[in-house]
C-alpha atoms as a PDB file:
ATOM      1  CA  MET A   1      34.404  -3.001 -34.225  1.00  0.00           C
ATOM      2  CA  ALA A   2      35.620  -0.014 -36.217  1.00  0.00           C
ATOM      3  CA  GLY A   3      35.743  -0.215 -39.977  1.00  0.00           C
ATOM      4  CA  VAL A   4      37.146   2.004 -42.707  1.00  0.00           C
ATOM      5  CA  PHE A   5      36.223   2.348 -46.347  1.00  0.00           C
ATOM      6  CA  GLU A   6      36.800   5.115 -48.856  1.00  0.00           C
ATOM      7  CA  VAL A   7      35.090   5.670 -52.182  1.00  0.00           C
ATOM      8  CA  GLU A   8      36.385   7.885 -54.964  1.00  0.00           C
ATOM      9  CA  VAL A   9      33.764   9.954 -56.802  1.00  0.00           C
ATOM     10  CA  ASP A  10      34.823  12.264 -59.689  1.00  0.00           C
ATOM     11  CA  GLY A  11      38.402  12.198 -58.471  1.00  0.00           C
ATOM     12  CA  VAL A  12      37.445  13.208 -54.923  1.00  0.00           C
ATOM     13  CA  GLU A  13      38.017  10.704 -52.173  1.00  0.00           C
ATOM     14  CA  HIS A  14      35.142  10.324 -49.683  1.00  0.00           C
ATOM     15  CA  ASP A  15      35.760   8.694 -46.339  1.00  0.00           C
ATOM     16  CA  HIS A  16      32.713   6.734 -45.115  1.00  0.00           C
ATOM     17  CA  GLY A  17      34.538   4.961 -42.298  1.00  0.00           C
ATOM     18  CA  LEU A  18      35.479   5.609 -38.732  1.00  0.00           C
ATOM     19  CA  GLY A  19      39.164   6.253 -39.160  1.00  0.00           C
ATOM     20  CA  HIS A  20      41.862   6.425 -41.835  1.00  0.00           C
ATOM     21  CA  HIS A  21      43.425   3.788 -44.058  1.00  0.00           C
ATOM     22  CA  ASP A  22      46.596   4.046 -46.103  1.00  0.00           C
ATOM     23  CA  GLU A  23      45.150   2.105 -49.065  1.00  0.00           C
ATOM     24  CA  PRO A  24      41.702   3.466 -49.990  1.00  0.00           C
ATOM     25  CA  ASN A  25      40.900   0.752 -52.536  1.00  0.00           C
ATOM     26  CA  GLN A  26      41.453  -2.138 -50.136  1.00  0.00           C
ATOM     27  CA  VAL A  27      38.678  -2.827 -47.639  1.00  0.00           C
ATOM     28  CA  ASP A  28      38.692  -5.640 -45.124  1.00  0.00           C
ATOM     29  CA  LEU A  29      34.991  -6.535 -44.945  1.00  0.00           C
ATOM     30  CA  SER A  30      35.579  -9.064 -42.180  1.00  0.00           C
ATOM     31  CA  HIS A  31      36.231  -6.245 -39.726  1.00  0.00           C
ATOM     32  CA  LEU A  32      33.078  -4.325 -40.603  1.00  0.00           C
ATOM     33  CA  SER A  33      29.763  -4.503 -38.783  1.00  0.00           C
ATOM     34  CA  PRO A  34      26.585  -5.253 -40.780  1.00  0.00           C
ATOM     35  CA  GLU A  35      25.642  -1.573 -40.650  1.00  0.00           C
ATOM     36  CA  GLU A  36      29.062  -0.525 -41.970  1.00  0.00           C
ATOM     37  CA  LYS A  37      28.873  -3.109 -44.749  1.00  0.00           C
ATOM     38  CA  TRP A  38      25.486  -1.725 -45.744  1.00  0.00           C
ATOM     39  CA  ARG A  39      26.908   1.808 -45.797  1.00  0.00           C
ATOM     40  CA  LEU A  40      29.758   0.600 -48.011  1.00  0.00           C
ATOM     41  CA  GLU A  41      27.386  -1.048 -50.489  1.00  0.00           C
ATOM     42  CA  HIS A  42      25.191   2.063 -50.429  1.00  0.00           C
ATOM     43  CA  ALA A  43      28.168   4.274 -51.263  1.00  0.00           C
ATOM     44  CA  ARG A  44      29.298   1.967 -54.060  1.00  0.00           C
ATOM     45  CA  MET A  45      25.790   1.957 -55.535  1.00  0.00           C
ATOM     46  CA  HIS A  46      25.757   5.780 -55.661  1.00  0.00           C
ATOM     47  CA  VAL A  47      29.128   5.774 -57.415  1.00  0.00           C
ATOM     48  CA  LYS A  48      27.987   3.152 -59.933  1.00  0.00           C
ATOM     49  CA  HIS A  49      24.709   4.862 -60.866  1.00  0.00           C
ATOM     50  CA  LYS A  50      25.872   8.488 -60.786  1.00  0.00           C
ATOM     51  CA  GLY A  51      24.981  10.278 -64.033  1.00  0.00           C
ATOM     52  CA  HIS A  52      22.595   7.556 -65.281  1.00  0.00           C
ATOM     53  CA  GLU A  53      19.331   9.435 -64.624  1.00  0.00           C
ATOM     54  CA  ALA A  54      18.131   9.145 -68.235  1.00  0.00           C
ATOM     55  CA  MET A  55      18.782   5.398 -68.262  1.00  0.00           C
ATOM     56  CA  HIS A  56      16.892   4.963 -64.993  1.00  0.00           C
ATOM     57  CA  ALA A  57      13.911   6.903 -66.339  1.00  0.00           C
ATOM     58  CA  GLU A  58      13.860   4.642 -69.399  1.00  0.00           C
ATOM     59  CA  MET A  59      13.934   1.534 -67.181  1.00  0.00           C
ATOM     60  CA  VAL A  60      11.021   2.850 -65.108  1.00  0.00           C
ATOM     61  CA  LEU A  61       9.042   3.527 -68.292  1.00  0.00           C
ATOM     62  CA  ILE A  62       9.710  -0.026 -69.520  1.00  0.00           C
ATOM     63  CA  LEU A  63       8.527  -1.401 -66.178  1.00  0.00           C
ATOM     64  CA  ILE A  64       5.260   0.585 -66.240  1.00  0.00           C
ATOM     65  CA  VAL A  65       4.468  -0.293 -69.872  1.00  0.00           C
ATOM     66  CA  THR A  66       5.233  -3.988 -69.292  1.00  0.00           C
ATOM     67  CA  LEU A  67       3.018  -4.095 -66.190  1.00  0.00           C
ATOM     68  CA  VAL A  68       0.095  -2.494 -68.052  1.00  0.00           C
ATOM     69  CA  ILE A  69       0.404  -4.776 -71.096  1.00  0.00           C
ATOM     70  CA  ALA A  70       0.840  -7.892 -68.932  1.00  0.00           C
ATOM     71  CA  GLN A  71      -2.241  -6.993 -66.887  1.00  0.00           C
ATOM     72  CA  LEU A  72      -4.349  -6.550 -70.041  1.00  0.00           C
ATOM     73  CA  VAL A  73      -3.109  -9.854 -71.454  1.00  0.00           C
ATOM     74  CA  LEU A  74      -3.837 -11.732 -68.220  1.00  0.00           C
ATOM     75  CA  VAL A  75      -7.336 -10.244 -67.919  1.00  0.00           C
ATOM     76  CA  GLN A  76      -8.194 -11.178 -71.509  1.00  0.00           C
ATOM     77  CA  TRP A  77      -6.745 -14.659 -71.046  1.00  0.00           C
ATOM     78  CA  LYS A  78      -8.778 -15.188 -67.879  1.00  0.00           C
ATOM     79  CA  GLN A  79     -11.993 -14.041 -69.551  1.00  0.00           C
ATOM     80  CA  ARG A  80     -11.568 -15.997 -72.788  1.00  0.00           C
ATOM     81  CA  HIS A  81      -9.893 -19.190 -71.527  1.00  0.00           C
ATOM     82  CA  PRO A  82     -10.462 -19.421 -67.753  1.00  0.00           C
ATOM     83  CA  LYS A  83      -9.636 -23.120 -67.492  1.00  0.00           C
ATOM     84  CA  SER A  84      -6.161 -22.872 -69.022  1.00  0.00           C
ATOM     85  CA  TYR A  85      -5.524 -19.644 -67.125  1.00  0.00           C
ATOM     86  CA  ASN A  86      -6.377 -21.277 -63.793  1.00  0.00           C
ATOM     87  CA  LEU A  87      -4.230 -24.350 -64.515  1.00  0.00           C
ATOM     88  CA  VAL A  88      -1.192 -22.297 -65.532  1.00  0.00           C
ATOM     89  CA  THR A  89      -1.649 -19.968 -62.559  1.00  0.00           C
ATOM     90  CA  LEU A  90      -1.888 -22.924 -60.206  1.00  0.00           C
ATOM     91  CA  PHE A  91       1.305 -24.402 -61.651  1.00  0.00           C
ATOM     92  CA  GLN A  92       3.036 -21.030 -61.302  1.00  0.00           C
ATOM     93  CA  MET A  93       1.872 -20.733 -57.696  1.00  0.00           C
ATOM     94  CA  TRP A  94       3.213 -24.174 -56.927  1.00  0.00           C
ATOM     95  CA  VAL A  95       6.599 -23.953 -58.683  1.00  0.00           C
ATOM     96  CA  VAL A  96       7.812 -20.318 -58.600  1.00  0.00           C
ATOM     97  CA  PRO A  97       8.247 -20.044 -54.793  1.00  0.00           C
ATOM     98  CA  LEU A  98       9.879 -23.492 -54.806  1.00  0.00           C
ATOM     99  CA  TYR A  99      12.585 -22.244 -57.176  1.00  0.00           C
ATOM    100  CA  PHE A 100      13.439 -19.168 -55.100  1.00  0.00           C
ATOM    101  CA  THR A 101      13.332 -20.927 -51.726  1.00  0.00           C
ATOM    102  CA  THR A 102      15.560 -23.741 -53.022  1.00  0.00           C
ATOM    103  CA  LYS A 103      18.009 -21.177 -54.330  1.00  0.00           C
ATOM    104  CA  LEU A 104      17.995 -19.368 -50.961  1.00  0.00           C
ATOM    105  CA  HIS A 105      18.155 -22.629 -48.934  1.00  0.00           C
ATOM    106  CA  TRP A 106      14.952 -21.976 -46.966  1.00  0.00           C
ATOM    107  CA  TRP A 107      14.695 -25.520 -45.663  1.00  0.00           C
ATOM    108  CA  ARG A 108      11.722 -24.929 -43.364  1.00  0.00           C
ATOM    109  CA  PHE A 109       9.614 -23.790 -46.280  1.00  0.00           C
ATOM    110  CA  LEU A 110      10.767 -26.730 -48.382  1.00  0.00           C
ATOM    111  CA  VAL A 111       9.713 -29.171 -45.634  1.00  0.00           C
ATOM    112  CA  THR A 112       6.246 -27.613 -45.303  1.00  0.00           C
ATOM    113  CA  TRP A 113       5.924 -27.452 -49.101  1.00  0.00           C
ATOM    114  CA  PHE A 114       6.745 -31.164 -49.381  1.00  0.00           C
ATOM    115  CA  ILE A 115       4.197 -32.144 -46.691  1.00  0.00           C
ATOM    116  CA  PHE A 116       1.528 -29.959 -48.294  1.00  0.00           C
ATOM    117  CA  SER A 117       2.264 -31.400 -51.736  1.00  0.00           C
ATOM    118  CA  VAL A 118       2.069 -35.026 -50.589  1.00  0.00           C
ATOM    119  CA  VAL A 119      -1.232 -34.645 -48.708  1.00  0.00           C
ATOM    120  CA  THR A 120      -2.802 -32.442 -51.392  1.00  0.00           C
ATOM    121  CA  ALA A 121      -1.723 -34.840 -54.139  1.00  0.00           C
ATOM    122  CA  TYR A 122      -3.478 -37.703 -52.342  1.00  0.00           C
ATOM    123  CA  VAL A 123      -6.652 -35.656 -51.758  1.00  0.00           C
ATOM    124  CA  THR A 124      -6.639 -34.435 -55.364  1.00  0.00           C
ATOM    125  CA  TYR A 125      -6.190 -38.000 -56.602  1.00  0.00           C
ATOM    126  CA  ARG A 126      -9.254 -39.079 -54.600  1.00  0.00           C
ATOM    127  CA  ALA A 127     -11.300 -36.147 -55.885  1.00  0.00           C
ATOM    128  CA  THR A 128     -10.523 -36.699 -59.574  1.00  0.00           C
ATOM    129  CA  ARG A 129     -11.526 -40.384 -59.743  1.00  0.00           C
ATOM    130  CA  LYS A 130     -14.431 -41.223 -62.025  1.00  0.00           C
ATOM    131  CA  HIS A 131     -15.784 -43.572 -59.371  1.00  0.00           C
ATOM    132  CA  LEU A 132     -16.202 -41.108 -56.505  1.00  0.00           C
ATOM    133  CA  GLU A 133     -16.432 -42.723 -53.081  1.00  0.00           C
ATOM    134  CA  CYS A 134     -19.105 -41.358 -50.775  1.00  0.00           C
ATOM    135  CA  THR A 135     -16.505 -40.223 -48.219  1.00  0.00           C
ATOM    136  CA  THR A 136     -14.349 -38.328 -50.708  1.00  0.00           C
ATOM    137  CA  PRO A 137     -16.221 -34.967 -50.782  1.00  0.00           C
ATOM    138  CA  ARG A 138     -16.067 -34.740 -46.991  1.00  0.00           C
ATOM    139  CA  LEU A 139     -12.370 -35.662 -47.019  1.00  0.00           C
ATOM    140  CA  VAL A 140     -11.615 -32.979 -49.622  1.00  0.00           C
ATOM    141  CA  TYR A 141     -13.515 -30.211 -47.872  1.00  0.00           C
ATOM    142  CA  LYS A 142     -12.173 -31.167 -44.446  1.00  0.00           C
ATOM    143  CA  TRP A 143      -8.562 -31.037 -45.628  1.00  0.00           C
ATOM    144  CA  PHE A 144      -8.848 -27.774 -47.510  1.00  0.00           C
ATOM    145  CA  LEU A 145     -11.022 -26.166 -44.826  1.00  0.00           C
ATOM    146  CA  LEU A 146      -8.416 -27.147 -42.208  1.00  0.00           C
ATOM    147  CA  LEU A 147      -5.665 -25.750 -44.424  1.00  0.00           C
ATOM    148  CA  TYR A 148      -7.694 -22.588 -44.955  1.00  0.00           C
ATOM    149  CA  LYS A 149      -8.181 -22.036 -41.219  1.00  0.00           C
ATOM    150  CA  ILE A 150      -4.512 -22.749 -40.433  1.00  0.00           C
ATOM    151  CA  SER A 151      -3.355 -20.327 -43.128  1.00  0.00           C
ATOM    152  CA  TYR A 152      -5.830 -17.733 -41.859  1.00  0.00           C
ATOM    153  CA  ALA A 153      -4.584 -18.040 -38.264  1.00  0.00           C
ATOM    154  CA  THR A 154      -0.931 -18.051 -39.372  1.00  0.00           C
ATOM    155  CA  GLY A 155      -1.425 -14.936 -41.468  1.00  0.00           C
ATOM    156  CA  ILE A 156      -3.170 -13.110 -38.618  1.00  0.00           C
ATOM    157  CA  VAL A 157      -0.390 -14.009 -36.160  1.00  0.00           C
ATOM    158  CA  GLY A 158       2.266 -12.905 -38.649  1.00  0.00           C
ATOM    159  CA  TYR A 159       0.508  -9.604 -39.294  1.00  0.00           C
ATOM    160  CA  THR A 160       0.133  -9.015 -35.552  1.00  0.00           C
ATOM    161  CA  VAL A 161       3.846  -9.659 -34.956  1.00  0.00           C
ATOM    162  CA  VAL A 162       4.771  -7.231 -37.740  1.00  0.00           C
ATOM    163  CA  MET A 163       2.530  -4.504 -36.300  1.00  0.00           C
ATOM    164  CA  PHE A 164       3.829  -5.089 -32.756  1.00  0.00           C
ATOM    165  CA  THR A 165       7.379  -4.765 -34.089  1.00  0.00           C
ATOM    166  CA  LEU A 166       6.568  -1.495 -35.849  1.00  0.00           C
ATOM    167  CA  PHE A 167       5.208  -0.110 -32.570  1.00  0.00           C
ATOM    168  CA  GLY A 168       8.239  -1.345 -30.633  1.00  0.00           C
ATOM    169  CA  ILE A 169       6.357  -3.806 -28.430  1.00  0.00           C
ATOM    170  CA  ASN A 170       9.019  -6.436 -29.160  1.00  0.00           C
ATOM    171  CA  LEU A 171      11.458  -4.441 -27.010  1.00  0.00           C
ATOM    172  CA  ILE A 172       9.388  -5.251 -23.931  1.00  0.00           C
ATOM    173  CA  PHE A 173      10.326  -8.903 -24.424  1.00  0.00           C
ATOM    174  CA  ARG A 174      13.935  -7.978 -25.328  1.00  0.00           C
ATOM    175  CA  ILE A 175      13.565  -9.291 -28.880  1.00  0.00           C
ATOM    176  CA  LYS A 176      15.644  -7.640 -31.598  1.00  0.00           C
ATOM    177  CA  PRO A 177      13.536  -5.746 -34.163  1.00  0.00           C
ATOM    178  CA  GLU A 178      15.101  -7.606 -37.109  1.00  0.00           C
ATOM    179  CA  ASP A 179      14.375 -11.002 -35.486  1.00  0.00           C
ATOM    180  CA  ALA A 180      10.770 -10.085 -34.688  1.00  0.00           C
ATOM    181  CA  MET A 181      10.197  -8.656 -38.173  1.00  0.00           C
ATOM    182  CA  ASP A 182      11.699 -11.724 -39.874  1.00  0.00           C
ATOM    183  CA  PHE A 183       9.462 -14.003 -37.794  1.00  0.00           C
ATOM    184  CA  GLY A 184       6.327 -11.975 -38.529  1.00  0.00           C
ATOM    185  CA  VAL A 185       6.987 -11.654 -42.254  1.00  0.00           C
ATOM    186  CA  SER A 186       7.743 -15.390 -42.495  1.00  0.00           C
ATOM    187  CA  LEU A 187       4.445 -16.310 -40.826  1.00  0.00           C
ATOM    188  CA  LEU A 188       2.587 -13.849 -43.045  1.00  0.00           C
ATOM    189  CA  PHE A 189       4.182 -15.367 -46.140  1.00  0.00           C
ATOM    190  CA  TYR A 190       3.365 -18.940 -45.053  1.00  0.00           C
ATOM    191  CA  GLY A 191      -0.254 -18.050 -44.299  1.00  0.00           C
ATOM    192  CA  LEU A 192      -0.913 -16.165 -47.527  1.00  0.00           C
ATOM    193  CA  TYR A 193       0.948 -18.584 -49.797  1.00  0.00           C
ATOM    194  CA  TYR A 194      -0.676 -21.783 -48.563  1.00  0.00           C
ATOM    195  CA  GLY A 195      -4.021 -20.004 -48.316  1.00  0.00           C
ATOM    196  CA  VAL A 196      -3.910 -19.051 -52.006  1.00  0.00           C
ATOM    197  CA  LEU A 197      -2.529 -22.417 -53.149  1.00  0.00           C
ATOM    198  CA  GLY A 198      -5.021 -24.394 -51.055  1.00  0.00           C
ATOM    199  CA  ARG A 199      -8.010 -22.474 -52.413  1.00  0.00           C
ATOM    200  CA  ASP A 200      -6.899 -23.039 -55.999  1.00  0.00           C
ATOM    201  CA  PHE A 201      -6.527 -26.780 -55.475  1.00  0.00           C
ATOM    202  CA  ALA A 202      -9.868 -26.855 -53.651  1.00  0.00           C
ATOM    203  CA  GLU A 203     -11.598 -25.109 -56.542  1.00  0.00           C
ATOM    204  CA  MET A 204     -10.205 -27.643 -58.988  1.00  0.00           C
ATOM    205  CA  CYS A 205     -11.262 -30.572 -56.783  1.00  0.00           C
ATOM    206  CA  ALA A 206     -14.721 -29.075 -56.264  1.00  0.00           C
ATOM    207  CA  ASP A 207     -15.259 -28.857 -60.032  1.00  0.00           C
ATOM    208  CA  PHE A 208     -14.182 -32.468 -60.581  1.00  0.00           C
ATOM    209  CA  MET A 209     -16.325 -33.840 -57.746  1.00  0.00           C
ATOM    210  CA  ALA A 210     -19.432 -31.852 -58.645  1.00  0.00           C
ATOM    211  CA  SER A 211     -19.177 -32.925 -62.282  1.00  0.00           C
ATOM    212  CA  THR A 212     -18.727 -36.555 -61.233  1.00  0.00           C
ATOM    213  CA  VAL A 213     -21.725 -36.430 -58.894  1.00  0.00           C
ATOM    214  CA  GLY A 214     -23.704 -35.063 -61.833  1.00  0.00           C
ATOM    215  CA  PHE A 215     -25.748 -32.283 -60.207  1.00  0.00           C
ATOM    216  CA  TYR A 216     -23.383 -29.550 -61.408  1.00  0.00           C
ATOM    217  CA  SER A 217     -21.957 -28.696 -64.797  1.00  0.00           C
ATOM    218  CA  ALA A 218     -19.646 -25.776 -65.473  1.00  0.00           C
ATOM    219  CA  SER A 219     -21.444 -25.178 -68.766  1.00  0.00           C
ATOM    220  CA  GLY A 220     -24.935 -26.412 -69.511  1.00  0.00           C
ATOM    221  CA  MET A 221     -27.625 -28.181 -67.514  1.00  0.00           C
ATOM    222  CA  PRO A 222     -27.000 -30.797 -64.804  1.00  0.00           C
ATOM    223  CA  THR A 223     -27.073 -34.429 -65.891  1.00  0.00           C
ATOM    224  CA  LYS A 224     -29.245 -35.523 -62.949  1.00  0.00           C
ATOM    225  CA  HIS A 225     -32.450 -34.331 -61.332  1.00  0.00           C
ATOM    226  CA  LEU A 226     -31.932 -33.107 -57.762  1.00  0.00           C
ATOM    227  CA  SER A 227     -34.213 -34.512 -55.081  1.00  0.00           C
ATOM    228  CA  ASP A 228     -34.936 -32.575 -51.887  1.00  0.00           C
ATOM    229  CA  SER A 229     -33.441 -35.431 -49.903  1.00  0.00           C
ATOM    230  CA  ILE A 230     -30.057 -35.376 -51.709  1.00  0.00           C
ATOM    231  CA  CYS A 231     -27.184 -32.915 -51.278  1.00  0.00           C
ATOM    232  CA  ALA A 232     -25.967 -31.769 -54.701  1.00  0.00           C
ATOM    233  CA  VAL A 233     -22.412 -31.179 -53.427  1.00  0.00           C
ATOM    234  CA  CYS A 234     -21.612 -34.626 -52.044  1.00  0.00           C
ATOM    235  CA  GLY A 235     -24.485 -36.650 -53.520  1.00  0.00           C
ATOM    236  CA  GLN A 236     -25.402 -38.143 -50.128  1.00  0.00           C
ATOM    237  CA  PRO A 237     -28.833 -38.199 -48.435  1.00  0.00           C
ATOM    238  CA  ILE A 238     -29.950 -35.311 -46.232  1.00  0.00           C
ATOM    239  CA  LEU A 239     -31.081 -36.783 -42.906  1.00  0.00           C
ATOM    240  CA  VAL A 240     -32.015 -33.604 -41.001  1.00  0.00           C
ATOM    241  CA  ASP A 241     -34.773 -31.198 -41.941  1.00  0.00           C
ATOM    242  CA  VAL A 242     -33.911 -27.512 -42.443  1.00  0.00           C
ATOM    243  CA  SER A 243     -35.939 -26.445 -39.397  1.00  0.00           C
ATOM    244  CA  ASP A 244     -34.371 -29.094 -37.126  1.00  0.00           C
ATOM    245  CA  GLU A 245     -31.028 -28.966 -35.335  1.00  0.00           C
ATOM    246  CA  GLY A 246     -28.878 -31.965 -36.162  1.00  0.00           C
ATOM    247  CA  ILE A 247     -26.598 -33.781 -33.754  1.00  0.00           C
ATOM    248  CA  ILE A 248     -23.786 -34.257 -36.278  1.00  0.00           C
ATOM    249  CA  GLU A 249     -24.656 -31.727 -38.961  1.00  0.00           C
ATOM    250  CA  ASN A 250     -27.321 -29.192 -39.836  1.00  0.00           C
ATOM    251  CA  THR A 251     -29.049 -28.600 -43.157  1.00  0.00           C
ATOM    252  CA  TYR A 252     -29.060 -25.310 -45.039  1.00  0.00           C
ATOM    253  CA  ARG A 253     -31.543 -23.989 -47.640  1.00  0.00           C
ATOM    254  CA  LEU A 254     -30.433 -21.403 -50.207  1.00  0.00           C
ATOM    255  CA  SER A 255     -32.632 -18.596 -51.510  1.00  0.00           C
ATOM    256  CA  CYS A 256     -33.373 -20.771 -54.574  1.00  0.00           C
ATOM    257  CA  ASN A 257     -34.935 -23.357 -52.147  1.00  0.00           C
ATOM    258  CA  HIS A 258     -32.332 -26.042 -52.847  1.00  0.00           C
ATOM    259  CA  VAL A 259     -31.192 -27.847 -49.685  1.00  0.00           C
ATOM    260  CA  PHE A 260     -27.661 -28.971 -48.796  1.00  0.00           C
ATOM    261  CA  HIS A 261     -25.599 -30.179 -45.896  1.00  0.00           C
ATOM    262  CA  GLU A 262     -24.412 -27.051 -44.114  1.00  0.00           C
ATOM    263  CA  PHE A 263     -20.807 -28.287 -44.118  1.00  0.00           C
ATOM    264  CA  CYS A 264     -20.960 -29.053 -47.846  1.00  0.00           C
ATOM    265  CA  ILE A 265     -22.404 -25.724 -48.955  1.00  0.00           C
ATOM    266  CA  ARG A 266     -19.971 -23.781 -46.763  1.00  0.00           C
ATOM    267  CA  GLY A 267     -17.076 -25.727 -48.205  1.00  0.00           C
ATOM    268  CA  TRP A 268     -18.466 -25.195 -51.707  1.00  0.00           C
ATOM    269  CA  CYS A 269     -18.709 -21.405 -51.266  1.00  0.00           C
ATOM    270  CA  ILE A 270     -15.688 -20.594 -49.106  1.00  0.00           C
ATOM    271  CA  VAL A 271     -13.130 -23.307 -49.827  1.00  0.00           C
ATOM    272  CA  GLY A 272     -14.179 -24.099 -53.402  1.00  0.00           C
ATOM    273  CA  LYS A 273     -14.702 -20.406 -54.260  1.00  0.00           C
ATOM    274  CA  LYS A 274     -18.142 -21.085 -55.732  1.00  0.00           C
ATOM    275  CA  GLN A 275     -20.695 -18.368 -54.991  1.00  0.00           C
ATOM    276  CA  ILE A 276     -23.514 -20.010 -56.941  1.00  0.00           C
ATOM    277  CA  CYS A 277     -25.951 -22.808 -56.224  1.00  0.00           C
ATOM    278  CA  PRO A 278     -24.351 -26.177 -57.144  1.00  0.00           C
ATOM    279  CA  TYR A 279     -27.526 -27.139 -59.023  1.00  0.00           C
ATOM    280  CA  CYS A 280     -29.224 -24.107 -60.589  1.00  0.00           C
ATOM    281  CA  LYS A 281     -26.276 -21.637 -60.498  1.00  0.00           C
ATOM    282  CA  GLU A 282     -28.281 -18.924 -58.741  1.00  0.00           C
ATOM    283  CA  LYS A 283     -26.130 -16.361 -56.918  1.00  0.00           C
ATOM    284  CA  VAL A 284     -25.534 -17.237 -53.249  1.00  0.00           C
ATOM    285  CA  ASP A 285     -25.991 -14.468 -50.694  1.00  0.00           C
ATOM    286  CA  LEU A 286     -22.880 -14.933 -48.543  1.00  0.00           C
ATOM    287  CA  LYS A 287     -23.968 -12.234 -46.096  1.00  0.00           C
ATOM    288  CA  ARG A 288     -27.084 -14.211 -45.269  1.00  0.00           C
ATOM    289  CA  MET A 289     -25.206 -17.501 -45.103  1.00  0.00           C
ATOM    290  CA  PHE A 290     -22.554 -16.088 -42.769  1.00  0.00           C
ATOM    291  CA  SER A 291     -24.747 -13.979 -40.537  1.00  0.00           C
ATOM    292  CA  ASN A 292     -22.368 -14.466 -37.598  1.00  0.00           C
ATOM    293  CA  PRO A 293     -19.970 -11.434 -37.651  1.00  0.00           C
ATOM    294  CA  TRP A 294     -17.095 -13.683 -36.492  1.00  0.00           C
ATOM    295  CA  GLU A 295     -17.389 -15.714 -39.713  1.00  0.00           C
ATOM    296  CA  ARG A 296     -17.395 -12.809 -42.152  1.00  0.00           C
ATOM    297  CA  PRO A 297     -13.621 -12.189 -41.945  1.00  0.00           C
ATOM    298  CA  HIS A 298     -13.184 -15.616 -43.566  1.00  0.00           C
ATOM    299  CA  VAL A 299     -15.026 -14.285 -46.628  1.00  0.00           C
ATOM    300  CA  MET A 300     -12.874 -11.143 -46.772  1.00  0.00           C
ATOM    301  CA  TYR A 301      -9.729 -13.222 -46.258  1.00  0.00           C
ATOM    302  CA  GLY A 302     -10.705 -15.391 -49.196  1.00  0.00           C
ATOM    303  CA  GLN A 303     -11.111 -12.303 -51.386  1.00  0.00           C
ATOM    304  CA  LEU A 304      -7.669 -11.093 -50.267  1.00  0.00           C
ATOM    305  CA  LEU A 305      -6.135 -14.431 -51.261  1.00  0.00           C
ATOM    306  CA  ASP A 306      -7.670 -14.160 -54.728  1.00  0.00           C
ATOM    307  CA  TRP A 307      -6.013 -10.751 -55.155  1.00  0.00           C
ATOM    308  CA  LEU A 308      -2.633 -11.962 -53.908  1.00  0.00           C
ATOM    309  CA  ARG A 309      -2.573 -14.781 -56.458  1.00  0.00           C
ATOM    310  CA  TYR A 310      -1.475 -12.296 -59.106  1.00  0.00           C
ATOM    311  CA  LEU A 311       1.457 -11.099 -56.981  1.00  0.00           C
ATOM    312  CA  VAL A 312       2.735 -14.588 -56.176  1.00  0.00           C
ATOM    313  CA  ALA A 313       2.170 -16.316 -59.520  1.00  0.00           C
ATOM    314  CA  TRP A 314       2.688 -13.649 -62.170  1.00  0.00           C
ATOM    315  CA  GLN A 315       4.648 -10.793 -60.610  1.00  0.00           C
ATOM    316  CA  PRO A 316       7.995 -12.709 -60.648  1.00  0.00           C
ATOM    317  CA  VAL A 317       7.390 -13.636 -64.283  1.00  0.00           C
ATOM    318  CA  ILE A 318       6.681 -10.020 -65.232  1.00  0.00           C
ATOM    319  CA  ILE A 319       9.741  -8.749 -63.344  1.00  0.00           C
ATOM    320  CA  GLY A 320      11.870 -11.376 -65.102  1.00  0.00           C
ATOM    321  CA  LEU A 321      10.461 -10.215 -68.445  1.00  0.00           C
ATOM    322  CA  VAL A 322      11.346  -6.596 -67.588  1.00  0.00           C
ATOM    323  CA  GLN A 323      14.890  -7.605 -66.665  1.00  0.00           C
ATOM    324  CA  GLY A 324      15.201  -9.495 -69.958  1.00  0.00           C
ATOM    325  CA  ILE A 325      14.092  -6.421 -71.923  1.00  0.00           C
ATOM    326  CA  ASN A 326      16.570  -4.233 -70.028  1.00  0.00           C
ATOM    327  CA  TYR A 327      19.350  -6.728 -70.750  1.00  0.00           C
ATOM    328  CA  ILE A 328      18.567  -6.823 -74.481  1.00  0.00           C
ATOM    329  CA  LEU A 329      18.548  -3.007 -74.627  1.00  0.00           C
ATOM    330  CA  GLY A 330      21.809  -2.798 -72.677  1.00  0.00           C
ATOM    331  CA  LEU A 331      20.219  -1.060 -69.684  1.00  0.00           C
ATOM    332  CA  GLU A 332      21.607  -1.703 -66.209  1.00  0.00           C
END
């Protein structure tokens, strides 16, 4: 479908269409293809911003200065008050994407967000009770470990689809590039978002449970003495010796000689983001714990999620702050 649009720049009329129109200021967008509409918007943007180079340079400078100051403030806040920083970041992670997806009517995300919120709220409620049931630690780590693995697989599939689209492999299956890219980016977003959010909730639950059990304290000495026959993560007896292979679960000994259920200590380190012994706080050697090369990507993926938390939680806030400054200064 042919479309015509003309834009006047400095008194000179530029024809960006595929024909001629008697009235250059009137454009029927309904007859334009998506590519022609994009070209029209692109031409209008050039007309609008022509001669504003100094203003644009000032806006870029404001953006850079705001990013640097915000980063320094966040780092100092995290170092001085880590608990409040983590709570606010978790709230930001949970609410900010909800606002944008509701505004854009992304119903699939809203459905998954609601399911995640309901299940996580129940698990968090169980983990924060003063009277901790013996099955609660396993329930918490099972849910968040399952969520972690699903988000990991979803992110990998999304990344693979994006790369296949960039190399044109989607054309073999007669899939449009924009459809394949949208699908891949959506999967990548789902995987990374729920991976970050799940790890933050898991860390909070791990702190509550460990403090309730009494073998771990975020600051100070534990309130209970740890026996070799008790797991400090879940507080339940250890039934299998370290040198034996269990039918249901194995036992793992850290370099500090404290013994735990293998499932518990893996959940503590990977899902709960704790790289210290739950009892004596000695540094855990993750390379020795995850000697299998197929398990090491989970560690790297967890580190990636920690880095992405800043982009998801605080980047929209910083960009909004920059836009507010530009609005106050009359910059557009």
